[in-house]
């Protein structure tokens, strides 16, 4: 992947790509939501953004700089934000951030963020060039 910055119009959206409430089955023994559940929500949101940009199928090929900042609790409302950070010939780097809204005060807590890399796929599931910008 080249390190070309995303176009200026690719600013982080104000609306989340996904909004989800974890279920009791997603909780671990500490009363927090499993990291794997969070990771899958991030991958889904990143795939939506990457698929739009690639105008077709994409696959996750790397996760960089994943950082867990605070736990997600059972009654939190999870908002997943994602935007294009870099564009290569066949790949896209999508910056993903997860915010938990919790309690009566509707406090917003940044719980995790990461940089996911997706590759555009052709009909044979092989990398293909991205469409022109």
C-alpha atoms as a PDB file:
ATOM      1  CA  UNK A   1       0.000   0.000   0.000  1.00  0.00           C
ATOM      2  CA  UNK A   2       1.245   3.487  -0.776  1.00  0.00           C
ATOM      3  CA  UNK A   3       0.898   6.193   1.816  1.00  0.00           C
ATOM      4  CA  UNK A   4      -1.208   8.560  -0.282  1.00  0.00           C
ATOM      5  CA  UNK A   5      -3.488  10.481   2.066  1.00  0.00           C
ATOM      6  CA  UNK A   6      -7.212  10.158   1.491  1.00  0.00           C
ATOM      7  CA  UNK A   7      -8.965  12.998  -0.366  1.00  0.00           C
ATOM      8  CA  UNK A   8      -9.995  15.948   1.784  1.00  0.00           C
ATOM      9  CA  UNK A   9     -13.661  14.919   1.421  1.00  0.00           C
ATOM     10  CA  UNK A  10     -12.963  11.709   3.369  1.00  0.00           C
ATOM     11  CA  UNK A  11     -13.238  13.433   6.754  1.00  0.00           C
ATOM     12  CA  UNK A  12     -14.563  11.351   9.582  1.00  0.00           C
ATOM     13  CA  UNK A  13     -18.360  11.121   9.269  1.00  0.00           C
ATOM     14  CA  UNK A  14     -20.617  12.646  11.898  1.00  0.00           C
ATOM     15  CA  UNK A  15     -22.990   9.685  11.642  1.00  0.00           C
ATOM     16  CA  UNK A  16     -21.838   6.235  12.704  1.00  0.00           C
ATOM     17  CA  UNK A  17     -21.476   3.476  10.155  1.00  0.00           C
ATOM     18  CA  UNK A  18     -22.925   1.045  12.724  1.00  0.00           C
ATOM     19  CA  UNK A  19     -24.847   1.464  15.950  1.00  0.00           C
ATOM     20  CA  UNK A  20     -25.177  -1.684  18.093  1.00  0.00           C
ATOM     21  CA  UNK A  21     -26.157  -2.762  21.599  1.00  0.00           C
ATOM     22  CA  UNK A  22     -24.147  -5.732  22.941  1.00  0.00           C
ATOM     23  CA  UNK A  23     -26.139  -8.713  24.173  1.00  0.00           C
ATOM     24  CA  UNK A  24     -25.639 -10.659  27.408  1.00  0.00           C
ATOM     25  CA  UNK A  25     -23.976 -13.480  25.414  1.00  0.00           C
ATOM     26  CA  UNK A  26     -21.220 -10.987  24.416  1.00  0.00           C
ATOM     27  CA  UNK A  27     -20.056 -10.416  28.000  1.00  0.00           C
ATOM     28  CA  UNK A  28     -16.993 -11.970  29.661  1.00  0.00           C
ATOM     29  CA  UNK A  29     -16.445 -12.987  33.304  1.00  0.00           C
ATOM     30  CA  UNK A  30     -15.333  -9.436  34.192  1.00  0.00           C
ATOM     31  CA  UNK A  31     -18.659  -7.956  33.091  1.00  0.00           C
ATOM     32  CA  UNK A  32     -17.127  -6.384  29.988  1.00  0.00           C
ATOM     33  CA  UNK A  33     -17.818  -7.106  26.347  1.00  0.00           C
ATOM     34  CA  UNK A  34     -15.398  -9.537  24.636  1.00  0.00           C
ATOM     35  CA  UNK A  35     -12.722  -7.785  22.589  1.00  0.00           C
ATOM     36  CA  UNK A  36     -13.442 -10.191  19.721  1.00  0.00           C
ATOM     37  CA  UNK A  37     -17.039  -8.965  19.552  1.00  0.00           C
ATOM     38  CA  UNK A  38     -15.831  -5.366  19.328  1.00  0.00           C
ATOM     39  CA  UNK A  39     -13.270  -6.303  16.690  1.00  0.00           C
ATOM     40  CA  UNK A  40     -15.955  -7.958  14.548  1.00  0.00           C
ATOM     41  CA  UNK A  41     -18.167  -4.836  14.720  1.00  0.00           C
ATOM     42  CA  UNK A  42     -15.203  -2.723  13.638  1.00  0.00           C
ATOM     43  CA  UNK A  43     -14.464  -5.102  10.766  1.00  0.00           C
ATOM     44  CA  UNK A  44     -18.083  -4.934   9.579  1.00  0.00           C
ATOM     45  CA  UNK A  45     -18.094  -1.118   9.631  1.00  0.00           C
ATOM     46  CA  UNK A  46     -14.700  -0.918   7.913  1.00  0.00           C
ATOM     47  CA  UNK A  47     -15.881  -3.380   5.273  1.00  0.00           C
ATOM     48  CA  UNK A  48     -18.910  -1.206   4.520  1.00  0.00           C
ATOM     49  CA  UNK A  49     -16.719   1.862   3.939  1.00  0.00           C
ATOM     50  CA  UNK A  50     -14.076  -0.085   1.989  1.00  0.00           C
ATOM     51  CA  UNK A  51     -16.711  -1.840  -0.148  1.00  0.00           C
ATOM     52  CA  UNK A  52     -18.268   1.502  -1.106  1.00  0.00           C
ATOM     53  CA  UNK A  53     -14.876   2.932  -2.036  1.00  0.00           C
ATOM     54  CA  UNK A  54     -13.817  -0.225  -3.931  1.00  0.00           C
ATOM     55  CA  UNK A  55     -17.254  -0.510  -5.579  1.00  0.00           C
ATOM     56  CA  UNK A  56     -17.275  -4.231  -4.873  1.00  0.00           C
ATOM     57  CA  UNK A  57     -16.005  -7.032  -2.689  1.00  0.00           C
ATOM     58  CA  UNK A  58     -13.179  -6.443  -0.204  1.00  0.00           C
ATOM     59  CA  UNK A  59     -11.309  -8.519   2.365  1.00  0.00           C
ATOM     60  CA  UNK A  60      -9.548  -7.500   5.557  1.00  0.00           C
ATOM     61  CA  UNK A  61      -5.805  -8.115   5.214  1.00  0.00           C
ATOM     62  CA  UNK A  62      -4.335  -6.313   8.234  1.00  0.00           C
ATOM     63  CA  UNK A  63      -5.180  -4.558  11.471  1.00  0.00           C
ATOM     64  CA  UNK A  64      -2.666  -2.008  12.691  1.00  0.00           C
ATOM     65  CA  UNK A  65      -2.425   0.162  15.779  1.00  0.00           C
ATOM     66  CA  UNK A  66      -5.358  -1.467  17.538  1.00  0.00           C
ATOM     67  CA  UNK A  67      -5.821   0.189  20.901  1.00  0.00           C
ATOM     68  CA  UNK A  68      -8.307  -0.726  23.647  1.00  0.00           C
ATOM     69  CA  UNK A  69      -8.804   2.388  25.757  1.00  0.00           C
ATOM     70  CA  UNK A  70     -11.777   1.551  27.990  1.00  0.00           C
ATOM     71  CA  UNK A  71     -14.104  -1.435  28.478  1.00  0.00           C
ATOM     72  CA  UNK A  72     -17.526  -1.732  26.877  1.00  0.00           C
ATOM     73  CA  UNK A  73     -20.261  -2.483  29.409  1.00  0.00           C
ATOM     74  CA  UNK A  74     -23.410  -4.514  28.872  1.00  0.00           C
ATOM     75  CA  UNK A  75     -25.885  -1.649  28.559  1.00  0.00           C
ATOM     76  CA  UNK A  76     -23.670   0.608  26.415  1.00  0.00           C
ATOM     77  CA  UNK A  77     -24.857   1.779  23.019  1.00  0.00           C
ATOM     78  CA  UNK A  78     -21.920   1.281  20.654  1.00  0.00           C
ATOM     79  CA  UNK A  79     -21.339   3.641  17.727  1.00  0.00           C
ATOM     80  CA  UNK A  80     -18.695   2.635  15.165  1.00  0.00           C
ATOM     81  CA  UNK A  81     -17.250   5.433  13.027  1.00  0.00           C
ATOM     82  CA  UNK A  82     -15.055   4.734  10.007  1.00  0.00           C
ATOM     83  CA  UNK A  83     -13.448   6.753   7.249  1.00  0.00           C
ATOM     84  CA  UNK A  84     -10.894   6.311   4.494  1.00  0.00           C
ATOM     85  CA  UNK A  85      -7.416   7.280   5.641  1.00  0.00           C
ATOM     86  CA  UNK A  86      -5.221   6.034   2.754  1.00  0.00           C
ATOM     87  CA  UNK A  87      -5.776   4.599  -0.680  1.00  0.00           C
ATOM     88  CA  UNK A  88      -3.301   2.376  -2.527  1.00  0.00           C
ATOM     89  CA  UNK A  89      -3.554   0.639  -5.922  1.00  0.00           C
ATOM     90  CA  UNK A  90      -5.556  -2.354  -4.602  1.00  0.00           C
ATOM     91  CA  UNK A  91      -5.886  -1.571  -0.894  1.00  0.00           C
ATOM     92  CA  UNK A  92      -7.606   0.862   1.449  1.00  0.00           C
ATOM     93  CA  UNK A  93      -6.682   1.876   4.986  1.00  0.00           C
ATOM     94  CA  UNK A  94      -9.809   2.601   7.010  1.00  0.00           C
ATOM     95  CA  UNK A  95      -9.559   4.400  10.376  1.00  0.00           C
ATOM     96  CA  UNK A  96     -12.163   3.036  12.788  1.00  0.00           C
ATOM     97  CA  UNK A  97     -13.211   4.450  16.153  1.00  0.00           C
ATOM     98  CA  UNK A  98     -15.722   3.040  18.644  1.00  0.00           C
ATOM     99  CA  UNK A  99     -17.637   5.248  21.067  1.00  0.00           C
ATOM    100  CA  UNK A 100     -19.785   3.871  23.899  1.00  0.00           C
ATOM    101  CA  UNK A 101     -22.741   5.908  25.097  1.00  0.00           C
ATOM    102  CA  UNK A 102     -23.564   4.929  28.666  1.00  0.00           C
ATOM    103  CA  UNK A 103     -25.704   5.734  31.651  1.00  0.00           C
ATOM    104  CA  UNK A 104     -28.534   8.164  32.189  1.00  0.00           C
ATOM    105  CA  UNK A 105     -26.150  11.016  31.495  1.00  0.00           C
ATOM    106  CA  UNK A 106     -25.492   9.572  28.018  1.00  0.00           C
ATOM    107  CA  UNK A 107     -21.770   9.936  28.618  1.00  0.00           C
ATOM    108  CA  UNK A 108     -19.718   9.244  25.481  1.00  0.00           C
ATOM    109  CA  UNK A 109     -16.546   7.208  26.048  1.00  0.00           C
ATOM    110  CA  UNK A 110     -14.011   6.377  23.345  1.00  0.00           C
ATOM    111  CA  UNK A 111     -13.384   2.675  23.899  1.00  0.00           C
ATOM    112  CA  UNK A 112     -11.161   1.610  21.007  1.00  0.00           C
ATOM    113  CA  UNK A 113      -9.717   2.593  17.670  1.00  0.00           C
ATOM    114  CA  UNK A 114      -7.672   0.997  14.942  1.00  0.00           C
ATOM    115  CA  UNK A 115      -6.471   1.125  11.379  1.00  0.00           C
ATOM    116  CA  UNK A 116      -7.797  -1.713   9.195  1.00  0.00           C
ATOM    117  CA  UNK A 117      -6.457  -2.486   5.724  1.00  0.00           C
ATOM    118  CA  UNK A 118      -8.774  -3.964   3.112  1.00  0.00           C
ATOM    119  CA  UNK A 119      -7.966  -5.191  -0.397  1.00  0.00           C
ATOM    120  CA  UNK A 120     -10.379  -5.018  -3.320  1.00  0.00           C
ATOM    121  CA  UNK A 121     -11.241  -8.456  -4.745  1.00  0.00           C
ATOM    122  CA  UNK A 122     -12.171  -9.604  -8.233  1.00  0.00           C
ATOM    123  CA  UNK A 123     -14.620 -12.412  -9.072  1.00  0.00           C
ATOM    124  CA  UNK A 124     -11.833 -14.989  -8.432  1.00  0.00           C
ATOM    125  CA  UNK A 125     -11.147 -13.549  -4.958  1.00  0.00           C
ATOM    126  CA  UNK A 126      -7.806 -12.124  -6.120  1.00  0.00           C
ATOM    127  CA  UNK A 127      -6.669  -8.520  -5.540  1.00  0.00           C
ATOM    128  CA  UNK A 128      -7.858  -6.059  -8.176  1.00  0.00           C
ATOM    129  CA  UNK A 129      -7.148  -2.434  -8.895  1.00  0.00           C
ATOM    130  CA  UNK A 130      -9.407   0.092  -7.219  1.00  0.00           C
ATOM    131  CA  UNK A 131     -11.646   2.194  -9.467  1.00  0.00           C
ATOM    132  CA  UNK A 132     -10.304   5.674 -10.280  1.00  0.00           C
ATOM    133  CA  UNK A 133     -11.148   8.467  -7.852  1.00  0.00           C
END
